[in-house]
Protein backbone atom coordinates (compact mmCIF):
# COMPACT_ATOMS: atom_id res chain seq x y z
CA MET A 1 -18.97 42.56 -57.87
CA PHE A 2 -19.58 41.27 -53.73
CA VAL A 3 -16.87 44.75 -53.34
CA LYS A 4 -19.86 47.09 -54.92
CA ILE A 5 -22.39 44.84 -53.16
CA ALA A 6 -20.71 45.49 -49.91
CA ASN A 7 -20.63 49.49 -50.35
CA ASN A 8 -24.60 49.34 -51.40
CA ILE A 9 -25.34 47.08 -48.05
CA GLY A 10 -22.90 49.83 -46.58
CA ARG A 11 -25.02 52.85 -47.66
CA ILE A 12 -28.65 51.43 -45.56
CA PRO A 13 -28.88 53.13 -42.79
CA THR A 14 -27.87 50.28 -39.89
CA PHE A 15 -31.37 50.47 -38.25
CA TYR A 16 -32.76 49.26 -41.61
CA LEU A 17 -30.94 46.14 -41.93
CA LEU A 18 -31.68 44.88 -38.73
CA LEU A 19 -35.34 45.67 -39.21
CA THR A 20 -34.95 42.92 -41.95
CA ILE A 21 -32.93 40.70 -40.70
CA LEU A 22 -35.63 40.14 -38.37
CA PHE A 23 -39.00 40.75 -40.48
CA ILE A 24 -36.76 37.86 -42.26
CA GLY A 25 -36.67 36.02 -39.09
CA PHE A 26 -40.53 36.43 -38.29
CA ILE A 27 -41.33 35.45 -42.24
CA LEU A 28 -39.31 32.48 -42.55
CA ARG A 29 -40.36 31.24 -38.52
CA THR A 30 -43.99 31.84 -38.81
CA ALA A 31 -44.26 30.18 -42.42
CA SER A 32 -42.59 27.28 -40.30
CA TRP A 33 -45.59 27.40 -38.10
CA PHE A 34 -48.51 26.37 -41.09
CA TYR A 35 -46.35 24.13 -43.17
CA VAL A 36 -44.71 22.21 -40.31
CA GLY A 37 -48.04 22.95 -38.18
CA PRO A 38 -47.93 23.33 -34.16
CA GLN A 39 -46.38 19.95 -32.52
CA LEU A 40 -47.11 18.66 -29.28
CA LEU A 41 -50.15 20.78 -28.54
CA GLY A 42 -52.71 19.70 -26.15
CA ASP A 43 -52.45 19.51 -21.70
CA HIS A 44 -50.23 15.94 -21.89
CA ASN A 45 -47.24 17.04 -23.30
CA ASP A 46 -44.09 17.44 -20.30
CA TYR A 47 -44.26 20.54 -20.31
CA SER A 48 -47.95 21.89 -20.28
CA GLN A 49 -48.76 18.78 -17.44
CA LEU A 50 -45.93 20.49 -15.03
CA SER A 51 -48.00 24.26 -15.59
CA ILE A 52 -51.49 22.59 -14.73
CA TYR A 53 -49.78 21.25 -11.70
CA ILE A 54 -48.60 24.33 -10.72
CA VAL A 55 -51.57 25.78 -11.25
CA GLN A 56 -53.39 22.91 -9.47
CA GLY A 57 -50.69 23.48 -6.77
CA ASN A 58 -50.45 19.69 -6.79
CA TRP A 59 -46.49 19.93 -6.01
CA ASN A 60 -46.46 16.50 -4.97
CA GLU A 61 -47.05 16.14 -8.92
CA TYR A 62 -44.71 18.54 -9.86
CA PHE A 63 -41.58 17.44 -7.89
CA SER A 64 -42.20 13.47 -9.19
CA ALA A 65 -42.26 14.28 -13.00
CA GLY A 66 -38.97 14.08 -14.66
CA ARG A 67 -38.68 17.66 -15.94
CA PHE A 68 -39.36 19.56 -12.42
CA TYR A 69 -36.33 20.81 -12.60
CA GLN A 70 -36.45 22.93 -16.09
CA PRO A 71 -38.85 25.23 -13.93
CA VAL A 72 -38.58 28.51 -16.51
CA TYR A 73 -40.21 27.21 -19.74
CA VAL A 74 -42.80 25.39 -17.67
CA LEU A 75 -43.80 29.06 -15.89
CA LEU A 76 -43.84 30.49 -19.09
CA LEU A 77 -46.41 28.02 -20.24
CA THR A 78 -48.75 28.31 -17.27
CA PRO A 79 -50.22 31.88 -18.33
CA THR A 80 -52.28 29.84 -20.74
CA TYR A 81 -54.06 27.54 -18.33
CA LEU A 82 -54.40 30.03 -15.34
CA PHE A 83 -56.32 32.78 -17.87
CA ASN A 84 -57.79 30.54 -20.15
CA LEU A 85 -55.90 31.36 -22.93
CA PRO A 86 -55.99 30.12 -26.29
CA GLN A 87 -53.02 27.61 -26.54
CA GLU A 88 -51.81 27.70 -30.30
CA ALA A 89 -52.19 31.56 -30.31
CA TYR A 90 -49.84 31.85 -27.30
CA ILE A 91 -47.17 29.88 -27.72
CA PHE A 92 -47.42 31.22 -31.41
CA PHE A 93 -46.65 34.84 -30.05
CA LEU A 94 -44.40 33.66 -26.89
CA HIS A 95 -42.11 31.48 -29.38
CA HIS A 96 -41.54 35.00 -31.75
CA LEU A 97 -40.80 36.66 -28.56
CA LEU A 98 -38.47 34.19 -27.54
CA SER A 99 -36.60 34.19 -31.24
CA ILE A 100 -37.40 38.04 -32.34
CA SER A 101 -35.42 38.61 -29.25
CA THR A 102 -32.63 35.91 -29.53
CA ILE A 103 -31.83 37.46 -32.97
CA TYR A 104 -31.66 40.68 -31.35
CA ILE A 105 -29.81 39.48 -28.17
CA VAL A 106 -26.65 37.64 -30.59
CA TYR A 107 -26.83 40.73 -32.68
CA LEU A 108 -26.41 43.09 -29.36
CA THR A 109 -23.43 40.59 -28.21
CA ALA A 110 -21.30 40.25 -31.90
CA LYS A 111 -21.60 44.37 -32.22
CA ARG A 112 -20.30 45.19 -28.34
CA ILE A 113 -17.29 42.90 -29.19
CA PHE A 114 -16.60 43.14 -33.19
CA GLY A 115 -18.62 45.79 -34.78
CA VAL A 116 -21.94 46.79 -36.16
CA TYR A 117 -21.60 44.54 -39.53
CA TYR A 118 -20.43 42.07 -38.07
CA GLY A 119 -23.55 41.71 -35.65
CA LEU A 120 -26.17 41.76 -38.70
CA ILE A 121 -24.08 39.14 -39.83
CA SER A 122 -24.36 36.91 -36.79
CA ALA A 123 -28.13 38.19 -35.94
CA PHE A 124 -28.48 36.64 -40.07
CA PHE A 125 -27.24 34.00 -39.78
CA ILE A 126 -29.75 32.56 -37.33
CA SER A 127 -32.22 34.24 -38.72
CA ILE A 128 -32.13 32.01 -41.47
CA ASN A 129 -31.18 28.77 -40.13
CA VAL A 130 -33.49 26.36 -41.33
CA MET A 131 -32.21 24.11 -38.61
CA ILE A 132 -33.16 26.32 -35.38
CA ILE A 133 -36.49 27.40 -37.59
CA TYR A 134 -37.95 23.91 -37.93
CA TRP A 135 -38.06 23.63 -34.16
CA PHE A 136 -39.85 26.79 -33.54
CA SER A 137 -43.22 25.58 -33.49
CA TRP A 138 -42.73 22.47 -31.30
CA VAL A 139 -44.01 23.16 -27.63
CA TYR A 140 -39.97 22.15 -26.29
CA ALA A 141 -37.77 24.42 -24.08
CA ASP A 142 -35.38 25.00 -26.57
CA ILE A 143 -36.96 27.87 -28.14
CA SER A 144 -36.24 30.11 -24.66
CA PHE A 145 -33.10 28.42 -24.48
CA HIS A 146 -31.80 29.70 -27.12
CA PHE A 147 -32.69 32.98 -25.79
CA PHE A 148 -31.21 32.37 -22.33
CA LEU A 149 -28.07 30.66 -23.26
CA ALA A 150 -27.51 34.21 -25.99
CA LEU A 151 -28.80 36.44 -23.33
CA LEU A 152 -25.79 34.89 -20.48
CA GLY A 153 -23.35 35.54 -23.31
CA LEU A 154 -24.04 39.15 -23.63
CA THR A 155 -24.29 39.57 -19.78
CA ALA A 156 -21.34 37.66 -19.61
CA MET A 157 -19.62 39.89 -21.99
CA ASN A 158 -21.12 42.78 -20.48
CA LEU A 159 -19.59 41.76 -16.72
CA PHE A 160 -15.85 41.65 -18.30
CA LYS A 161 -16.40 45.43 -19.82
CA ASP A 162 -17.48 46.51 -16.57
CA LYS A 163 -17.64 44.79 -13.91
CA LYS A 164 -20.34 47.05 -11.56
CA PRO A 165 -22.87 45.33 -9.25
CA ILE A 166 -25.50 45.61 -11.97
CA ASN A 167 -23.53 43.44 -14.44
CA TYR A 168 -22.96 41.03 -11.91
CA ALA A 169 -26.32 40.41 -10.54
CA PHE A 170 -27.76 40.77 -14.51
CA PHE A 171 -24.59 37.59 -15.13
CA PHE A 172 -25.86 35.56 -12.65
CA PHE A 173 -29.66 36.04 -13.31
CA SER A 174 -29.19 35.10 -16.84
CA GLY A 175 -27.30 31.89 -15.76
CA CYS A 176 -29.73 31.03 -13.31
CA LEU A 177 -32.69 30.83 -16.04
CA CYS A 178 -30.75 28.83 -18.61
CA MET A 179 -29.47 26.04 -16.19
CA LEU A 180 -33.17 26.13 -15.66
CA THR A 181 -34.24 25.97 -18.59
CA ARG A 182 -31.98 23.18 -19.61
CA PRO A 183 -29.48 20.60 -17.75
CA GLU A 184 -27.07 21.95 -19.73
CA GLY A 185 -27.38 25.34 -19.27
CA LEU A 186 -25.61 24.44 -15.74
CA PHE A 187 -22.32 23.61 -17.65
CA VAL A 188 -22.18 26.49 -19.92
CA PHE A 189 -22.88 28.58 -17.04
CA PHE A 190 -20.44 26.70 -14.85
CA ILE A 191 -17.89 27.52 -18.12
CA ALA A 192 -18.48 31.12 -17.69
CA ILE A 193 -17.12 31.69 -14.30
CA LEU A 194 -14.09 30.07 -14.96
CA THR A 195 -13.52 32.04 -17.94
CA LEU A 196 -14.26 35.02 -16.60
CA ILE A 197 -12.35 34.42 -13.30
CA TYR A 198 -9.33 33.36 -15.92
CA ILE A 199 -9.38 36.67 -17.70
CA HIS A 200 -9.70 38.29 -14.45
CA LEU A 201 -6.48 36.70 -12.74
CA ALA A 202 -4.85 37.01 -16.08
CA GLN A 203 -4.54 40.88 -16.46
CA LYS A 204 -2.82 40.66 -12.56
CA LEU A 205 -1.18 37.47 -12.49
CA PRO A 206 1.10 35.37 -15.20
CA ILE A 207 -0.59 33.33 -16.95
CA ARG A 208 0.53 29.54 -15.53
CA LYS A 209 -0.48 30.83 -12.27
CA ALA A 210 -3.91 32.20 -13.90
CA LEU A 211 -4.34 28.26 -14.96
CA PHE A 212 -3.19 27.09 -12.02
CA ILE A 213 -6.02 28.64 -9.55
CA ILE A 214 -8.23 27.44 -11.85
CA ALA A 215 -7.02 23.99 -12.48
CA GLY A 216 -7.23 23.60 -8.78
CA ILE A 217 -10.97 25.48 -8.47
CA ILE A 218 -11.70 22.55 -10.77
CA PHE A 219 -9.83 19.89 -9.44
CA PHE A 220 -11.27 20.75 -5.42
CA LEU A 221 -15.19 20.95 -6.96
CA SER A 222 -14.72 17.65 -8.42
CA SER A 223 -13.29 15.67 -5.63
CA LEU A 224 -15.96 17.15 -3.52
CA LEU A 225 -18.25 15.83 -5.75
CA VAL A 226 -16.46 12.36 -5.83
CA SER A 227 -15.83 11.67 -2.34
CA THR A 228 -19.60 12.45 -1.30
CA LEU A 229 -21.26 10.59 -3.35
CA VAL A 230 -18.51 7.58 -2.61
CA PHE A 231 -18.64 8.01 1.40
CA HIS A 232 -21.89 9.51 1.71
CA LYS A 233 -24.95 6.46 0.26
CA LYS A 234 -27.77 8.99 0.83
CA SER A 235 -26.94 11.74 -1.27
CA GLN A 236 -25.40 9.04 -3.63
CA GLU A 237 -28.88 6.97 -4.62
CA VAL A 238 -30.70 11.15 -4.97
CA PHE A 239 -27.77 11.48 -7.42
CA PHE A 240 -28.26 8.74 -9.59
CA SER A 241 -31.56 8.73 -9.64
CA GLN A 242 -31.56 11.86 -11.18
CA MET A 243 -33.01 11.91 -14.91
CA ASN A 244 -30.30 13.30 -16.83
CA ILE A 245 -27.42 11.86 -15.00
CA SER A 246 -29.14 8.41 -15.49
CA LEU A 247 -29.89 9.32 -19.24
CA ALA A 248 -26.08 10.93 -19.32
CA LEU A 249 -25.20 7.03 -17.82
CA TYR A 250 -26.55 4.98 -19.78
CA VAL A 251 -27.15 6.28 -22.92
CA SER A 252 -24.02 6.81 -23.05
CA SER A 253 -22.41 3.54 -22.42
CA LYS A 254 -24.45 2.08 -25.06
CA ILE A 255 -25.46 4.58 -28.36
CA SER A 256 -21.79 5.49 -30.47
CA THR A 257 -23.57 6.13 -33.62
CA ASN A 258 -27.44 7.79 -35.20
CA SER A 259 -29.41 5.70 -36.85
CA PRO A 260 -32.33 4.91 -36.11
CA GLU A 261 -32.20 1.22 -35.19
CA GLU A 262 -29.72 2.06 -32.17
CA GLN A 263 -31.87 4.61 -30.52
CA TYR A 264 -34.74 2.12 -31.01
CA GLN A 265 -32.40 -0.86 -29.45
CA THR A 266 -31.56 1.73 -26.94
CA TYR A 267 -34.70 3.34 -25.81
CA GLY A 268 -37.35 0.22 -26.33
CA ILE A 269 -35.81 -2.54 -26.08
CA ASP A 270 -32.73 -2.66 -23.48
CA ARG A 271 -33.31 0.05 -21.61
CA ALA A 272 -36.88 -1.50 -20.46
CA GLU A 273 -34.70 -5.32 -20.01
CA ASP A 274 -32.47 -3.51 -17.97
CA TRP A 275 -35.19 -2.45 -15.80
CA LEU A 276 -36.97 -5.78 -15.49
CA LYS A 277 -33.61 -6.68 -14.40
CA GLY A 278 -32.65 -4.31 -11.29
CA ARG A 279 -36.01 -4.36 -10.53
CA LYS A 280 -35.50 -7.83 -9.51
CA GLN A 281 -32.42 -7.53 -7.38
CA PRO A 282 -32.67 -6.93 -3.18
CA ASP A 283 -30.40 -3.46 -3.40
CA TYR A 284 -33.57 -1.45 -6.05
CA VAL A 285 -33.74 2.05 -5.52
CA SER A 286 -35.40 4.08 -8.40
CA ASP A 287 -35.61 3.25 -12.21
CA ASN A 288 -33.08 6.33 -12.60
CA TYR A 289 -30.85 4.31 -10.28
CA ILE A 290 -30.20 1.12 -12.44
CA LEU A 291 -29.56 3.14 -15.22
CA SER A 292 -27.08 5.11 -13.82
CA MET A 293 -25.39 1.76 -12.48
CA HIS A 294 -25.76 0.60 -15.83
CA GLY A 295 -23.71 2.84 -17.63
CA LEU A 296 -21.09 3.33 -14.42
CA ASN A 297 -20.26 -0.77 -14.87
CA PHE A 298 -19.99 -0.54 -18.50
CA ILE A 299 -17.50 2.62 -17.60
CA LYS A 300 -15.17 1.03 -15.15
CA GLU A 301 -15.18 -2.50 -17.25
CA HIS A 302 -14.48 -0.51 -20.57
CA PRO A 303 -12.73 3.04 -19.90
CA PHE A 304 -11.52 3.46 -23.39
CA THR A 305 -14.78 1.40 -25.52
CA TRP A 306 -16.72 5.11 -23.72
CA LEU A 307 -14.48 6.95 -24.21
CA LYS A 308 -13.96 6.48 -28.21
CA MET A 309 -18.09 6.35 -28.41
CA TYR A 310 -18.21 9.73 -26.70
CA VAL A 311 -15.48 11.19 -29.14
CA SER A 312 -17.51 9.86 -31.96
CA ARG A 313 -21.07 11.32 -30.19
CA PHE A 314 -18.68 14.84 -30.27
CA ALA A 315 -17.89 14.99 -33.89
CA SER A 316 -21.22 13.92 -34.85
CA ASN A 317 -23.56 16.44 -32.93
CA ILE A 318 -21.15 18.91 -34.40
CA PHE A 319 -21.53 17.72 -37.54
CA PRO A 320 -24.23 14.97 -37.65
CA SER A 321 -24.37 15.39 -41.79
CA VAL A 322 -21.24 13.35 -42.11
CA PHE A 323 -22.97 10.51 -40.06
CA SER A 324 -26.32 10.90 -41.07
CA PRO A 325 -26.12 8.59 -44.27
CA PHE A 326 -30.32 8.31 -43.68
CA TRP A 327 -30.99 12.70 -44.24
CA SER A 328 -31.72 14.23 -47.88
CA ILE A 329 -28.81 14.93 -49.83
CA GLU A 330 -29.49 18.67 -49.85
CA HIS A 331 -30.94 18.37 -46.45
CA ARG A 332 -26.68 17.37 -45.53
CA ILE A 333 -25.43 19.73 -47.39
CA TYR A 334 -26.94 22.61 -46.09
CA ASN A 335 -26.26 21.63 -42.34
CA PHE A 336 -22.30 20.53 -43.28
CA SER A 337 -22.08 23.81 -44.35
CA MET A 338 -23.72 25.77 -41.40
CA ALA A 339 -22.60 23.69 -39.18
CA PHE A 340 -18.73 24.86 -41.17
CA ILE A 341 -19.10 27.95 -41.18
CA LEU A 342 -20.18 29.52 -37.42
CA VAL A 343 -18.04 25.94 -35.98
CA ILE A 344 -14.85 26.72 -37.75
CA GLY A 345 -14.97 30.27 -38.35
CA SER A 346 -15.53 30.35 -34.05
CA THR A 347 -12.16 28.50 -34.00
CA MET A 348 -10.17 30.30 -36.28
CA ALA A 349 -10.94 33.28 -34.16
CA LEU A 350 -8.94 32.26 -31.27
CA PHE A 351 -5.97 31.94 -33.72
CA PHE A 352 -5.61 35.65 -34.03
CA ARG A 353 -3.71 37.76 -32.08
CA ASP A 354 -6.54 40.95 -31.68
CA SER A 355 -7.52 42.25 -28.33
CA ARG A 356 -10.91 41.07 -27.94
CA ARG A 357 -9.82 37.38 -28.10
CA PHE A 358 -10.26 36.63 -24.59
CA LEU A 359 -14.09 38.16 -25.11
CA ALA A 360 -14.38 35.25 -28.62
CA LEU A 361 -12.84 32.92 -26.34
CA THR A 362 -15.26 32.99 -23.60
CA LEU A 363 -18.25 32.55 -26.19
CA VAL A 364 -16.62 29.71 -28.06
CA LEU A 365 -15.37 27.81 -25.11
CA MET A 366 -19.43 28.45 -23.99
CA ALA A 367 -20.11 26.41 -27.26
CA PHE A 368 -17.54 23.45 -27.58
CA THR A 369 -19.16 22.99 -23.21
CA LEU A 370 -22.43 23.37 -24.34
CA ALA A 371 -21.36 20.22 -27.08
CA LEU A 372 -19.24 18.65 -24.61
CA SER A 373 -22.01 18.03 -22.14
CA ILE A 374 -25.16 17.58 -24.85
CA SER A 375 -22.57 14.24 -26.42
CA LEU A 376 -23.15 12.53 -22.73
CA PHE A 377 -26.73 11.83 -23.01
CA GLN A 378 -28.32 13.47 -26.19
CA ARG A 379 -27.26 11.50 -29.73
CA GLU A 380 -30.83 12.52 -31.35
CA ILE A 381 -31.30 11.91 -34.29
CA ASP A 382 -33.54 15.24 -34.98
CA TYR A 383 -30.26 16.90 -33.84
CA ARG A 384 -32.93 19.39 -32.35
CA VAL A 385 -30.96 20.02 -28.68
CA PRO A 386 -27.50 20.42 -30.29
CA LEU A 387 -28.27 23.22 -32.50
CA SER A 388 -28.27 25.48 -29.07
CA MET A 389 -24.33 25.44 -29.82
CA PHE A 390 -25.15 27.40 -33.04
CA ILE A 391 -26.33 30.48 -31.04
CA LEU A 392 -23.28 31.46 -29.37
CA PHE A 393 -20.68 30.35 -32.18
CA ALA A 394 -23.08 32.76 -34.43
CA MET A 395 -21.55 35.54 -32.19
CA VAL A 396 -17.96 35.04 -33.06
CA ALA A 397 -17.61 33.56 -36.37
CA PRO A 398 -17.68 36.10 -39.20
CA TYR A 399 -15.01 37.66 -37.30
CA GLY A 400 -12.94 34.93 -37.54
CA TRP A 401 -13.61 34.79 -41.37
CA PHE A 402 -12.59 38.44 -41.99
CA LYS A 403 -9.75 37.66 -40.03
CA PHE A 404 -8.46 34.88 -41.84
CA TYR A 405 -9.25 36.62 -44.97
CA THR A 406 -7.47 39.93 -43.76
CA TYR A 407 -4.43 36.91 -43.27
CA LEU A 408 -5.06 35.80 -46.56
CA THR A 409 -5.28 38.79 -48.54
CA GLU A 410 -1.82 40.01 -46.30
CA ARG A 411 0.09 36.93 -46.69
CA TYR A 412 -0.62 36.99 -50.99
CA ALA A 413 0.13 41.20 -50.92
CA HIS A 414 3.63 40.08 -49.65
CA ASN A 415 4.29 37.62 -51.84
């Protein structure tokens, strides 16, 4: 039956299949918009407020805000205030443009590496992913981050296949946009650069030498950062006063589960108490600096406890349904099924000998790097930010499952 269905689908032109997938994505996201309703509209959410500061030219307030280093989504919202456009309609069409473009880019990337039908399946996974769709109507940077993350994956593949100057330009441009949309983009961009350097070196040098050079680059950059922070007091204060640095250190030393009680205790009680204590100290620098120092002290005193908490957060960001007993059973089954298909399928693609394995490795490493960076400070009940890793996993997963199916078929045939 499945073979017959596949044969019938195979007779449909690729253009119509892709158009259907894009249309399904559009319909599902539109339904979510009207069912969930637009969330965080108005002038008082973080991103809209920054857009207003830009239009007003109020740069002191802009750079004093917590998300000033995420200007891309802010700039995308700016036309609302610059041209006095209706906010709800503008965000509706902006998010649709970003979402449909993301699905299309996922298709292009998977198609370029593995083939047309793998690209269609990859796009379909993103098109119907209910967890991603739920956040479509929220005024958060995640929808735009998904787009730039997919774009970074595509430009990385293009650069590997054809090292033309224009491909280098597109790769670095998309990487910069990615890390200026959400801070996790910095880690993804960095690992993409290192992976491409490794692939380039591995074509000319023995694998051990290539790995040694990559390890040397990481060690040099890490040593440079640590020595700067240790020996330059002003740099240390500036670095540890950054909002996301402080959250990464503080939250990672506090949270090991995603229970609502633990979230409330950390953000609603503990943080305020630690701020009050820190402000009374003679060496007070800033509230964010207080949180950073609290986290650093915990890591120094309890390194293994911190590592155990980190591993727990990482596992629950990959498979949150296993660690979320307060979710409905339907939600948990769907979430686990989608995560299992995408994460395990992508991982399996790396274990089969194939000329495209290095390209798959780049995307999978980018996805796991994203998960690792998010696990430092993101332990959300709503599982919003970790969903972005599915964009990269979806590009590889269909091929991984196909290779696994081929392996089982050949083994069974031989037996």
